[in-house]
Amino acid sequence: MHGEGGSVNSAALPAQIADLKRRLQGYRLADIYNMDETGLFYKLAPDKTIASRQIEGAKKSKVRVTVALTYNADGSDMREPFIIGHANKPRCFKKKSGSDLGFF
């Protein structure tokens, strides 16, 4: 386990689950949303060949973007993935700002 998931207090978990259920009672499942983020290493080459043997000696690319996935609790509304880049002024937008393109 990594991050916050690795430090869960399992003794307090049943009480927290009961509290969460109590708080969500007044809402429909269609109105409860969750957003998760994950890293997408789009320049990372596979580390195995079709024959499943390890490829040795190649450096792994660390270039990535963050992808945010949003959906509701009953699965009836899954939003388009939201890409979060790292550049303050991405080259692909040339001289246009985020507000010119309708992002901000």
PDB file of N, CA and C in Angstrom:
ATOM      1  N   MET A   1       0.826  -1.179   0.000  1.00  0.00           N
ATOM      2  CA  MET A   1       0.000   0.000   0.000  1.00  0.00           C
ATOM      3  C   MET A   1       0.874   1.248   0.000  1.00  0.00           C
ATOM      4  N   HIS A   2       0.367   2.307  -0.626  1.00  0.00           N
ATOM      5  CA  HIS A   2       1.096   3.567  -0.702  1.00  0.00           C
ATOM      6  C   HIS A   2       0.223   4.694  -0.172  1.00  0.00           C
ATOM      7  N   GLY A   3       0.841   5.785   0.213  1.00  0.00           N
ATOM      8  CA  GLY A   3       0.127   7.001   0.588  1.00  0.00           C
ATOM      9  C   GLY A   3      -0.784   6.829   1.775  1.00  0.00           C
ATOM     10  N   GLU A   4      -1.948   7.492   1.707  1.00  0.00           N
ATOM     11  CA  GLU A   4      -2.878   7.481   2.824  1.00  0.00           C
ATOM     12  C   GLU A   4      -3.467   6.105   3.073  1.00  0.00           C
ATOM     13  N   GLY A   5      -3.629   5.309   2.037  1.00  0.00           N
ATOM     14  CA  GLY A   5      -4.212   3.975   2.197  1.00  0.00           C
ATOM     15  C   GLY A   5      -3.390   3.087   3.103  1.00  0.00           C
ATOM     16  N   GLY A   6      -2.099   3.299   3.158  1.00  0.00           N
ATOM     17  CA  GLY A   6      -1.234   2.481   3.983  1.00  0.00           C
ATOM     18  C   GLY A   6      -1.298   2.838   5.453  1.00  0.00           C
ATOM     19  N   SER A   7      -1.921   3.966   5.813  1.00  0.00           N
ATOM     20  CA  SER A   7      -1.951   4.397   7.204  1.00  0.00           C
ATOM     21  C   SER A   7      -3.370   4.428   7.773  1.00  0.00           C
ATOM     22  N   VAL A   8      -4.248   3.555   7.305  1.00  0.00           N
ATOM     23  CA  VAL A   8      -5.632   3.517   7.772  1.00  0.00           C
ATOM     24  C   VAL A   8      -5.695   2.893   9.158  1.00  0.00           C
ATOM     25  N   ASN A   9      -6.435   3.533  10.061  1.00  0.00           N
ATOM     26  CA  ASN A   9      -6.660   2.994  11.398  1.00  0.00           C
ATOM     27  C   ASN A   9      -7.828   2.017  11.305  1.00  0.00           C
ATOM     28  N   SER A  10      -7.552   0.722  11.212  1.00  0.00           N
ATOM     29  CA  SER A  10      -8.594  -0.279  10.988  1.00  0.00           C
ATOM     30  C   SER A  10      -9.539  -0.426  12.174  1.00  0.00           C
ATOM     31  N   ALA A  11      -9.132  -0.037  13.373  1.00  0.00           N
ATOM     32  CA  ALA A  11     -10.021  -0.116  14.535  1.00  0.00           C
ATOM     33  C   ALA A  11     -11.138   0.929  14.444  1.00  0.00           C
ATOM     34  N   ALA A  12     -10.844   2.087  13.854  1.00  0.00           N
ATOM     35  CA  ALA A  12     -11.835   3.160  13.741  1.00  0.00           C
ATOM     36  C   ALA A  12     -12.689   3.036  12.485  1.00  0.00           C
ATOM     37  N   LEU A  13     -12.353   2.129  11.598  1.00  0.00           N
ATOM     38  CA  LEU A  13     -13.030   2.014  10.311  1.00  0.00           C
ATOM     39  C   LEU A  13     -14.527   1.726  10.420  1.00  0.00           C
ATOM     40  N   PRO A  14     -15.005   0.752  11.210  1.00  0.00           N
ATOM     41  CA  PRO A  14     -16.455   0.500  11.281  1.00  0.00           C
ATOM     42  C   PRO A  14     -17.259   1.730  11.716  1.00  0.00           C
ATOM     43  N   ALA A  15     -16.748   2.496  12.663  1.00  0.00           N
ATOM     44  CA  ALA A  15     -17.455   3.697  13.117  1.00  0.00           C
ATOM     45  C   ALA A  15     -17.490   4.749  12.017  1.00  0.00           C
ATOM     46  N   GLN A  16     -16.407   4.871  11.257  1.00  0.00           N
ATOM     47  CA  GLN A  16     -16.363   5.856  10.175  1.00  0.00           C
ATOM     48  C   GLN A  16     -17.294   5.463   9.032  1.00  0.00           C
ATOM     49  N   ILE A  17     -17.392   4.168   8.742  1.00  0.00           N
ATOM     50  CA  ILE A  17     -18.308   3.701   7.695  1.00  0.00           C
ATOM     51  C   ILE A  17     -19.746   3.983   8.106  1.00  0.00           C
ATOM     52  N   ALA A  18     -20.091   3.708   9.369  1.00  0.00           N
ATOM     53  CA  ALA A  18     -21.442   3.982   9.869  1.00  0.00           C
ATOM     54  C   ALA A  18     -21.749   5.474   9.796  1.00  0.00           C
ATOM     55  N   ASP A  19     -20.784   6.323  10.138  1.00  0.00           N
ATOM     56  CA  ASP A  19     -20.968   7.773  10.078  1.00  0.00           C
ATOM     57  C   ASP A  19     -21.177   8.235   8.642  1.00  0.00           C
ATOM     58  N   LEU A  20     -20.411   7.680   7.715  1.00  0.00           N
ATOM     59  CA  LEU A  20     -20.556   8.039   6.304  1.00  0.00           C
ATOM     60  C   LEU A  20     -21.931   7.628   5.778  1.00  0.00           C
ATOM     61  N   LYS A  21     -22.394   6.434   6.122  1.00  0.00           N
ATOM     62  CA  LYS A  21     -23.729   5.982   5.693  1.00  0.00           C
ATOM     63  C   LYS A  21     -24.810   6.906   6.245  1.00  0.00           C
ATOM     64  N   ARG A  22     -24.670   7.331   7.504  1.00  0.00           N
ATOM     65  CA  ARG A  22     -25.643   8.234   8.120  1.00  0.00           C
ATOM     66  C   ARG A  22     -25.670   9.575   7.379  1.00  0.00           C
ATOM     67  N   ARG A  23     -24.504  10.098   7.040  1.00  0.00           N
ATOM     68  CA  ARG A  23     -24.427  11.392   6.351  1.00  0.00           C
ATOM     69  C   ARG A  23     -25.018  11.336   4.946  1.00  0.00           C
ATOM     70  N   LEU A  24     -24.901  10.195   4.284  1.00  0.00           N
ATOM     71  CA  LEU A  24     -25.347  10.080   2.893  1.00  0.00           C
ATOM     72  C   LEU A  24     -26.789   9.623   2.759  1.00  0.00           C
ATOM     73  N   GLN A  25     -27.478   9.343   3.872  1.00  0.00           N
ATOM     74  CA  GLN A  25     -28.849   8.835   3.832  1.00  0.00           C
ATOM     75  C   GLN A  25     -29.802   9.734   3.058  1.00  0.00           C
ATOM     76  N   GLY A  26     -29.663  11.028   3.170  1.00  0.00           N
ATOM     77  CA  GLY A  26     -30.596  11.952   2.538  1.00  0.00           C
ATOM     78  C   GLY A  26     -30.344  12.199   1.061  1.00  0.00           C
ATOM     79  N   TYR A  27     -29.362  11.526   0.480  1.00  0.00           N
ATOM     80  CA  TYR A  27     -29.012  11.750  -0.925  1.00  0.00           C
ATOM     81  C   TYR A  27     -29.289  10.511  -1.763  1.00  0.00           C
ATOM     82  N   ARG A  28     -29.663  10.743  -3.023  1.00  0.00           N
ATOM     83  CA  ARG A  28     -29.797   9.627  -3.964  1.00  0.00           C
ATOM     84  C   ARG A  28     -28.404   9.228  -4.447  1.00  0.00           C
ATOM     85  N   LEU A  29     -28.233   7.960  -4.827  1.00  0.00           N
ATOM     86  CA  LEU A  29     -26.934   7.501  -5.337  1.00  0.00           C
ATOM     87  C   LEU A  29     -26.516   8.276  -6.582  1.00  0.00           C
ATOM     88  N   ALA A  30     -27.492   8.700  -7.373  1.00  0.00           N
ATOM     89  CA  ALA A  30     -27.190   9.458  -8.593  1.00  0.00           C
ATOM     90  C   ALA A  30     -26.607  10.835  -8.282  1.00  0.00           C
ATOM     91  N   ASP A  31     -26.784  11.316  -7.046  1.00  0.00           N
ATOM     92  CA  ASP A  31     -26.294  12.642  -6.661  1.00  0.00           C
ATOM     93  C   ASP A  31     -24.975  12.607  -5.897  1.00  0.00           C
ATOM     94  N   ILE A  32     -24.416  11.427  -5.683  1.00  0.00           N
ATOM     95  CA  ILE A  32     -23.156  11.288  -4.952  1.00  0.00           C
ATOM     96  C   ILE A  32     -22.049  11.017  -5.966  1.00  0.00           C
ATOM     97  N   TYR A  33     -21.065  11.907  -6.035  1.00  0.00           N
ATOM     98  CA  TYR A  33     -19.989  11.802  -7.022  1.00  0.00           C
ATOM     99  C   TYR A  33     -18.645  11.520  -6.364  1.00  0.00           C
ATOM    100  N   ASN A  34     -17.766  10.899  -7.129  1.00  0.00           N
ATOM    101  CA  ASN A  34     -16.402  10.629  -6.695  1.00  0.00           C
ATOM    102  C   ASN A  34     -15.456  11.031  -7.822  1.00  0.00           C
ATOM    103  N   MET A  35     -14.335  11.644  -7.453  1.00  0.00           N
ATOM    104  CA  MET A  35     -13.305  11.976  -8.434  1.00  0.00           C
ATOM    105  C   MET A  35     -11.997  11.364  -7.959  1.00  0.00           C
ATOM    106  N   ASP A  36     -11.346  10.612  -8.835  1.00  0.00           N
ATOM    107  CA  ASP A  36     -10.050  10.009  -8.541  1.00  0.00           C
ATOM    108  C   ASP A  36      -9.032  10.509  -9.548  1.00  0.00           C
ATOM    109  N   GLU A  37      -7.804  10.652  -9.098  1.00  0.00           N
ATOM    110  CA  GLU A  37      -6.705  11.060  -9.976  1.00  0.00           C
ATOM    111  C   GLU A  37      -5.736   9.905 -10.139  1.00  0.00           C
ATOM    112  N   THR A  38      -5.162   9.816 -11.327  1.00  0.00           N
ATOM    113  CA  THR A  38      -4.135   8.816 -11.586  1.00  0.00           C
ATOM    114  C   THR A  38      -3.109   9.406 -12.544  1.00  0.00           C
ATOM    115  N   GLY A  39      -1.890   8.929 -12.477  1.00  0.00           N
ATOM    116  CA  GLY A  39      -0.847   9.393 -13.380  1.00  0.00           C
ATOM    117  C   GLY A  39      -0.860   8.589 -14.669  1.00  0.00           C
ATOM    118  N   LEU A  40      -0.676   9.266 -15.793  1.00  0.00           N
ATOM    119  CA  LEU A  40      -0.589   8.603 -17.092  1.00  0.00           C
ATOM    120  C   LEU A  40       0.795   8.887 -17.660  1.00  0.00           C
ATOM    121  N   PHE A  41       1.643   7.864 -17.682  1.00  0.00           N
ATOM    122  CA  PHE A  41       3.004   7.972 -18.218  1.00  0.00           C
ATOM    123  C   PHE A  41       2.935   7.655 -19.715  1.00  0.00           C
ATOM    124  N   TYR A  42       2.548   8.645 -20.513  1.00  0.00           N
ATOM    125  CA  TYR A  42       2.256   8.410 -21.925  1.00  0.00           C
ATOM    126  C   TYR A  42       3.497   8.175 -22.784  1.00  0.00           C
ATOM    127  N   LYS A  43       4.689   8.463 -22.299  1.00  0.00           N
ATOM    128  CA  LYS A  43       5.910   8.199 -23.066  1.00  0.00           C
ATOM    129  C   LYS A  43       6.657   6.975 -22.558  1.00  0.00           C
ATOM    130  N   LEU A  44       6.099   6.276 -21.601  1.00  0.00           N
ATOM    131  CA  LEU A  44       6.765   5.131 -20.993  1.00  0.00           C
ATOM    132  C   LEU A  44       6.625   3.906 -21.891  1.00  0.00           C
ATOM    133  N   ALA A  45       7.760   3.360 -22.320  1.00  0.00           N
ATOM    134  CA  ALA A  45       7.753   2.163 -23.165  1.00  0.00           C
ATOM    135  C   ALA A  45       7.466   0.937 -22.300  1.00  0.00           C
ATOM    136  N   PRO A  46       6.910  -0.115 -22.894  1.00  0.00           N
ATOM    137  CA  PRO A  46       6.680  -1.339 -22.124  1.00  0.00           C
ATOM    138  C   PRO A  46       7.998  -1.904 -21.602  1.00  0.00           C
ATOM    139  N   ASP A  47       7.955  -2.552 -20.443  1.00  0.00           N
ATOM    140  CA  ASP A  47       9.188  -3.110 -19.885  1.00  0.00           C
ATOM    141  C   ASP A  47       9.327  -4.603 -20.174  1.00  0.00           C
ATOM    142  N   LYS A  48       8.401  -5.149 -20.955  1.00  0.00           N
ATOM    143  CA  LYS A  48       8.480  -6.558 -21.349  1.00  0.00           C
ATOM    144  C   LYS A  48       8.189  -6.677 -22.839  1.00  0.00           C
ATOM    145  N   THR A  49       8.727  -7.719 -23.445  1.00  0.00           N
ATOM    146  CA  THR A  49       8.433  -7.987 -24.852  1.00  0.00           C
ATOM    147  C   THR A  49       7.229  -8.914 -24.925  1.00  0.00           C
ATOM    148  N   ILE A  50       6.820  -9.247 -26.121  1.00  0.00           N
ATOM    149  CA  ILE A  50       5.702 -10.180 -26.291  1.00  0.00           C
ATOM    150  C   ILE A  50       6.029 -11.524 -25.656  1.00  0.00           C
ATOM    151  N   ALA A  51       7.286 -11.895 -25.657  1.00  0.00           N
ATOM    152  CA  ALA A  51       7.714 -13.163 -25.067  1.00  0.00           C
ATOM    153  C   ALA A  51       7.810 -13.082 -23.541  1.00  0.00           C
ATOM    154  N   SER A  52       7.407 -11.963 -22.953  1.00  0.00           N
ATOM    155  CA  SER A  52       7.373 -11.746 -21.499  1.00  0.00           C
ATOM    156  C   SER A  52       8.738 -11.751 -20.826  1.00  0.00           C
ATOM    157  N   ARG A  53       9.787 -11.446 -21.571  1.00  0.00           N
ATOM    158  CA  ARG A  53      11.083 -11.350 -20.903  1.00  0.00           C
ATOM    159  C   ARG A  53      11.378  -9.880 -20.634  1.00  0.00           C
ATOM    160  N   GLN A  54      12.106  -9.622 -19.581  1.00  0.00           N
ATOM    161  CA  GLN A  54      12.428  -8.267 -19.141  1.00  0.00           C
ATOM    162  C   GLN A  54      13.357  -7.577 -20.138  1.00  0.00           C
ATOM    163  N   ILE A  55      13.121  -6.300 -20.429  1.00  0.00           N
ATOM    164  CA  ILE A  55      14.011  -5.509 -21.271  1.00  0.00           C
ATOM    165  C   ILE A  55      15.011  -4.825 -20.348  1.00  0.00           C
ATOM    166  N   GLU A  56      16.281  -5.082 -20.554  1.00  0.00           N
ATOM    167  CA  GLU A  56      17.334  -4.564 -19.675  1.00  0.00           C
ATOM    168  C   GLU A  56      17.950  -3.287 -20.242  1.00  0.00           C
ATOM    169  N   GLY A  57      18.433  -2.422 -19.370  1.00  0.00           N
ATOM    170  CA  GLY A  57      19.280  -1.308 -19.751  1.00  0.00           C
ATOM    171  C   GLY A  57      18.603  -0.076 -20.304  1.00  0.00           C
ATOM    172  N   ALA A  58      17.305  -0.009 -20.359  1.00  0.00           N
ATOM    173  CA  ALA A  58      16.639   1.176 -20.894  1.00  0.00           C
ATOM    174  C   ALA A  58      16.174   2.068 -19.748  1.00  0.00           C
ATOM    175  N   LYS A  59      16.361   3.387 -19.915  1.00  0.00           N
ATOM    176  CA  LYS A  59      15.867   4.320 -18.905  1.00  0.00           C
ATOM    177  C   LYS A  59      14.364   4.482 -19.081  1.00  0.00           C
ATOM    178  N   LYS A  60      13.673   4.612 -17.986  1.00  0.00           N
ATOM    179  CA  LYS A  60      12.219   4.768 -18.033  1.00  0.00           C
ATOM    180  C   LYS A  60      11.857   6.247 -18.033  1.00  0.00           C
ATOM    181  N   SER A  61      10.977   6.629 -18.945  1.00  0.00           N
ATOM    182  CA  SER A  61      10.524   8.013 -19.032  1.00  0.00           C
ATOM    183  C   SER A  61       9.636   8.342 -17.834  1.00  0.00           C
ATOM    184  N   LYS A  62       9.829   9.523 -17.283  1.00  0.00           N
ATOM    185  CA  LYS A  62       9.018   9.965 -16.155  1.00  0.00           C
ATOM    186  C   LYS A  62       8.025  11.050 -16.571  1.00  0.00           C
ATOM    187  N   VAL A  63       7.898  11.283 -17.880  1.00  0.00           N
ATOM    188  CA  VAL A  63       6.983  12.296 -18.386  1.00  0.00           C
ATOM    189  C   VAL A  63       5.559  11.786 -18.200  1.00  0.00           C
ATOM    190  N   ARG A  64       4.728  12.610 -17.545  1.00  0.00           N
ATOM    191  CA  ARG A  64       3.366  12.165 -17.290  1.00  0.00           C
ATOM    192  C   ARG A  64       2.412  13.341 -17.225  1.00  0.00           C
ATOM    193  N   VAL A  65       1.137  13.040 -17.326  1.00  0.00           N
ATOM    194  CA  VAL A  65       0.062  13.981 -17.038  1.00  0.00           C
ATOM    195  C   VAL A  65      -0.833  13.311 -15.996  1.00  0.00           C
ATOM    196  N   THR A  66      -1.633  14.102 -15.329  1.00  0.00           N
ATOM    197  CA  THR A  66      -2.578  13.567 -14.359  1.00  0.00           C
ATOM    198  C   THR A  66      -3.939  13.490 -15.026  1.00  0.00           C
ATOM    199  N   VAL A  67      -4.614  12.364 -14.864  1.00  0.00           N
ATOM    200  CA  VAL A  67      -5.948  12.171 -15.410  1.00  0.00           C
ATOM    201  C   VAL A  67      -6.920  12.080 -14.239  1.00  0.00           C
ATOM    202  N   ALA A  68      -7.974  12.893 -14.265  1.00  0.00           N
ATOM    203  CA  ALA A  68      -9.010  12.852 -13.230  1.00  0.00           C
ATOM    204  C   ALA A  68     -10.242  12.172 -13.810  1.00  0.00           C
ATOM    205  N   LEU A  69     -10.741  11.169 -13.104  1.00  0.00           N
ATOM    206  CA  LEU A  69     -11.925  10.422 -13.524  1.00  0.00           C
ATOM    207  C   LEU A  69     -13.050  10.724 -12.541  1.00  0.00           C
ATOM    208  N   THR A  70     -14.226  11.094 -13.052  1.00  0.00           N
ATOM    209  CA  THR A  70     -15.359  11.469 -12.205  1.00  0.00           C
ATOM    210  C   THR A  70     -16.580  10.649 -12.597  1.00  0.00           C
ATOM    211  N   TYR A  71     -17.278  10.129 -11.592  1.00  0.00           N
ATOM    212  CA  TYR A  71     -18.465   9.307 -11.826  1.00  0.00           C
ATOM    213  C   TYR A  71     -19.346   9.366 -10.590  1.00  0.00           C
ATOM    214  N   ASN A  72     -20.637   9.003 -10.770  1.00  0.00           N
ATOM    215  CA  ASN A  72     -21.517   8.999  -9.605  1.00  0.00           C
ATOM    216  C   ASN A  72     -21.654   7.582  -9.050  1.00  0.00           C
ATOM    217  N   ALA A  73     -22.277   7.474  -7.857  1.00  0.00           N
ATOM    218  CA  ALA A  73     -22.291   6.215  -7.110  1.00  0.00           C
ATOM    219  C   ALA A  73     -23.064   5.104  -7.805  1.00  0.00           C
ATOM    220  N   ASP A  74     -24.102   5.431  -8.579  1.00  0.00           N
ATOM    221  CA  ASP A  74     -24.849   4.355  -9.238  1.00  0.00           C
ATOM    222  C   ASP A  74     -24.361   4.078 -10.660  1.00  0.00           C
ATOM    223  N   GLY A  75     -23.335   4.800 -11.110  1.00  0.00           N
ATOM    224  CA  GLY A  75     -22.727   4.543 -12.417  1.00  0.00           C
ATOM    225  C   GLY A  75     -23.497   5.099 -13.593  1.00  0.00           C
ATOM    226  N   SER A  76     -24.543   5.890 -13.350  1.00  0.00           N
ATOM    227  CA  SER A  76     -25.345   6.409 -14.456  1.00  0.00           C
ATOM    228  C   SER A  76     -24.720   7.633 -15.122  1.00  0.00           C
ATOM    229  N   ASP A  77     -23.748   8.258 -14.481  1.00  0.00           N
ATOM    230  CA  ASP A  77     -23.105   9.453 -15.042  1.00  0.00           C
ATOM    231  C   ASP A  77     -21.596   9.333 -14.888  1.00  0.00           C
ATOM    232  N   MET A  78     -20.929   9.041 -15.986  1.00  0.00           N
ATOM    233  CA  MET A  78     -19.466   8.974 -16.001  1.00  0.00           C
ATOM    234  C   MET A  78     -18.981  10.120 -16.878  1.00  0.00           C
ATOM    235  N   ARG A  79     -18.274  11.064 -16.276  1.00  0.00           N
ATOM    236  CA  ARG A  79     -17.806  12.243 -17.000  1.00  0.00           C
ATOM    237  C   ARG A  79     -16.591  11.909 -17.859  1.00  0.00           C
ATOM    238  N   GLU A  80     -16.343  12.769 -18.854  1.00  0.00           N
ATOM    239  CA  GLU A  80     -15.154  12.607 -19.691  1.00  0.00           C
ATOM    240  C   GLU A  80     -13.912  12.753 -18.815  1.00  0.00           C
ATOM    241  N   PRO A  81     -12.863  11.978 -19.083  1.00  0.00           N
ATOM    242  CA  PRO A  81     -11.626  12.147 -18.301  1.00  0.00           C
ATOM    243  C   PRO A  81     -11.099  13.573 -18.437  1.00  0.00           C
ATOM    244  N   PHE A  82     -10.593  14.101 -17.353  1.00  0.00           N
ATOM    245  CA  PHE A  82     -10.081  15.467 -17.289  1.00  0.00           C
ATOM    246  C   PHE A  82      -8.564  15.386 -17.200  1.00  0.00           C
ATOM    247  N   ILE A  83      -7.862  15.974 -18.171  1.00  0.00           N
ATOM    248  CA  ILE A  83      -6.404  15.918 -18.227  1.00  0.00           C
ATOM    249  C   ILE A  83      -5.824  17.149 -17.528  1.00  0.00           C
ATOM    250  N   ILE A  84      -4.919  16.915 -16.588  1.00  0.00           N
ATOM    251  CA  ILE A  84      -4.266  17.996 -15.861  1.00  0.00           C
ATOM    252  C   ILE A  84      -2.787  17.960 -16.227  1.00  0.00           C
ATOM    253  N   GLY A  85      -2.330  18.962 -16.969  1.00  0.00           N
ATOM    254  CA  GLY A  85      -0.928  19.023 -17.372  1.00  0.00           C
ATOM    255  C   GLY A  85      -0.090  19.765 -16.351  1.00  0.00           C
ATOM    256  N   HIS A  86       1.199  19.915 -16.644  1.00  0.00           N
ATOM    257  CA  HIS A  86       2.115  20.553 -15.709  1.00  0.00           C
ATOM    258  C   HIS A  86       2.635  21.899 -16.198  1.00  0.00           C
ATOM    259  N   ALA A  87       2.515  22.176 -17.491  1.00  0.00           N
ATOM    260  CA  ALA A  87       3.079  23.407 -18.043  1.00  0.00           C
ATOM    261  C   ALA A  87       2.197  24.602 -17.695  1.00  0.00           C
ATOM    262  N   ASN A  88       2.827  25.698 -17.338  1.00  0.00           N
ATOM    263  CA  ASN A  88       2.094  26.922 -17.056  1.00  0.00           C
ATOM    264  C   ASN A  88       1.507  27.495 -18.340  1.00  0.00           C
ATOM    265  N   LYS A  89       2.271  27.418 -19.442  1.00  0.00           N
ATOM    266  CA  LYS A  89       1.827  27.888 -20.749  1.00  0.00           C
ATOM    267  C   LYS A  89       2.225  26.838 -21.783  1.00  0.00           C
ATOM    268  N   PRO A  90       1.377  25.819 -22.029  1.00  0.00           N
ATOM    269  CA  PRO A  90       1.740  24.748 -22.962  1.00  0.00           C
ATOM    270  C   PRO A  90       2.027  25.274 -24.368  1.00  0.00           C
ATOM    271  N   ARG A  91       3.053  24.748 -25.003  1.00  0.00           N
ATOM    272  CA  ARG A  91       3.450  25.178 -26.353  1.00  0.00           C
ATOM    273  C   ARG A  91       2.356  24.932 -27.381  1.00  0.00           C
ATOM    274  N   CYS A  92       1.581  23.870 -27.192  1.00  0.00           N
ATOM    275  CA  CYS A  92       0.575  23.518 -28.195  1.00  0.00           C
ATOM    276  C   CYS A  92      -0.519  24.585 -28.323  1.00  0.00           C
ATOM    277  N   PHE A  93      -0.685  25.453 -27.314  1.00  0.00           N
ATOM    278  CA  PHE A  93      -1.688  26.508 -27.383  1.00  0.00           C
ATOM    279  C   PHE A  93      -1.153  27.762 -28.067  1.00  0.00           C
ATOM    280  N   LYS A  94       0.107  27.738 -28.475  1.00  0.00           N
ATOM    281  CA  LYS A  94       0.798  28.853 -29.116  1.00  0.00           C
ATOM    282  C   LYS A  94       0.680  30.101 -28.243  1.00  0.00           C
ATOM    283  N   LYS A  95       0.108  31.184 -28.766  1.00  0.00           N
ATOM    284  CA  LYS A  95       0.045  32.427 -27.990  1.00  0.00           C
ATOM    285  C   LYS A  95      -1.295  32.618 -27.293  1.00  0.00           C
ATOM    286  N   LYS A  96      -2.161  31.616 -27.347  1.00  0.00           N
ATOM    287  CA  LYS A  96      -3.471  31.733 -26.705  1.00  0.00           C
ATOM    288  C   LYS A  96      -3.371  31.319 -25.242  1.00  0.00           C
ATOM    289  N   SER A  97      -4.131  32.000 -24.408  1.00  0.00           N
ATOM    290  CA  SER A  97      -4.147  31.658 -22.983  1.00  0.00           C
ATOM    291  C   SER A  97      -5.289  30.675 -22.709  1.00  0.00           C
ATOM    292  N   GLY A  98      -5.307  30.136 -21.508  1.00  0.00           N
ATOM    293  CA  GLY A  98      -6.376  29.215 -21.121  1.00  0.00           C
ATOM    294  C   GLY A  98      -7.739  29.875 -21.168  1.00  0.00           C
ATOM    295  N   SER A  99      -7.814  31.160 -20.803  1.00  0.00           N
ATOM    296  CA  SER A  99      -9.106  31.857 -20.846  1.00  0.00           C
ATOM    297  C   SER A  99      -9.567  32.084 -22.290  1.00  0.00           C
ATOM    298  N   ASP A 100      -8.621  32.273 -23.227  1.00  0.00           N
ATOM    299  CA  ASP A 100      -8.982  32.409 -24.650  1.00  0.00           C
ATOM    300  C   ASP A 100      -9.606  31.120 -25.177  1.00  0.00           C
ATOM    301  N   LEU A 101      -9.155  29.995 -24.642  1.00  0.00           N
ATOM    302  CA  LEU A 101      -9.639  28.692 -25.097  1.00  0.00           C
ATOM    303  C   LEU A 101     -10.821  28.187 -24.270  1.00  0.00           C
ATOM    304  N   GLY A 102     -11.237  28.935 -23.256  1.00  0.00           N
ATOM    305  CA  GLY A 102     -12.394  28.557 -22.449  1.00  0.00           C
ATOM    306  C   GLY A 102     -12.094  27.581 -21.326  1.00  0.00           C
ATOM    307  N   PHE A 103     -10.831  27.482 -20.899  1.00  0.00           N
ATOM    308  CA  PHE A 103     -10.469  26.539 -19.843  1.00  0.00           C
ATOM    309  C   PHE A 103     -10.576  27.129 -18.451  1.00  0.00           C
ATOM    310  N   PHE A 104     -10.413  28.443 -18.313  1.00  0.00           N
ATOM    311  CA  PHE A 104     -10.389  29.053 -16.980  1.00  0.00           C
ATOM    312  C   PHE A 104     -11.490  30.070 -16.842  1.00  0.00           C
TER     313      PHE A 104
END
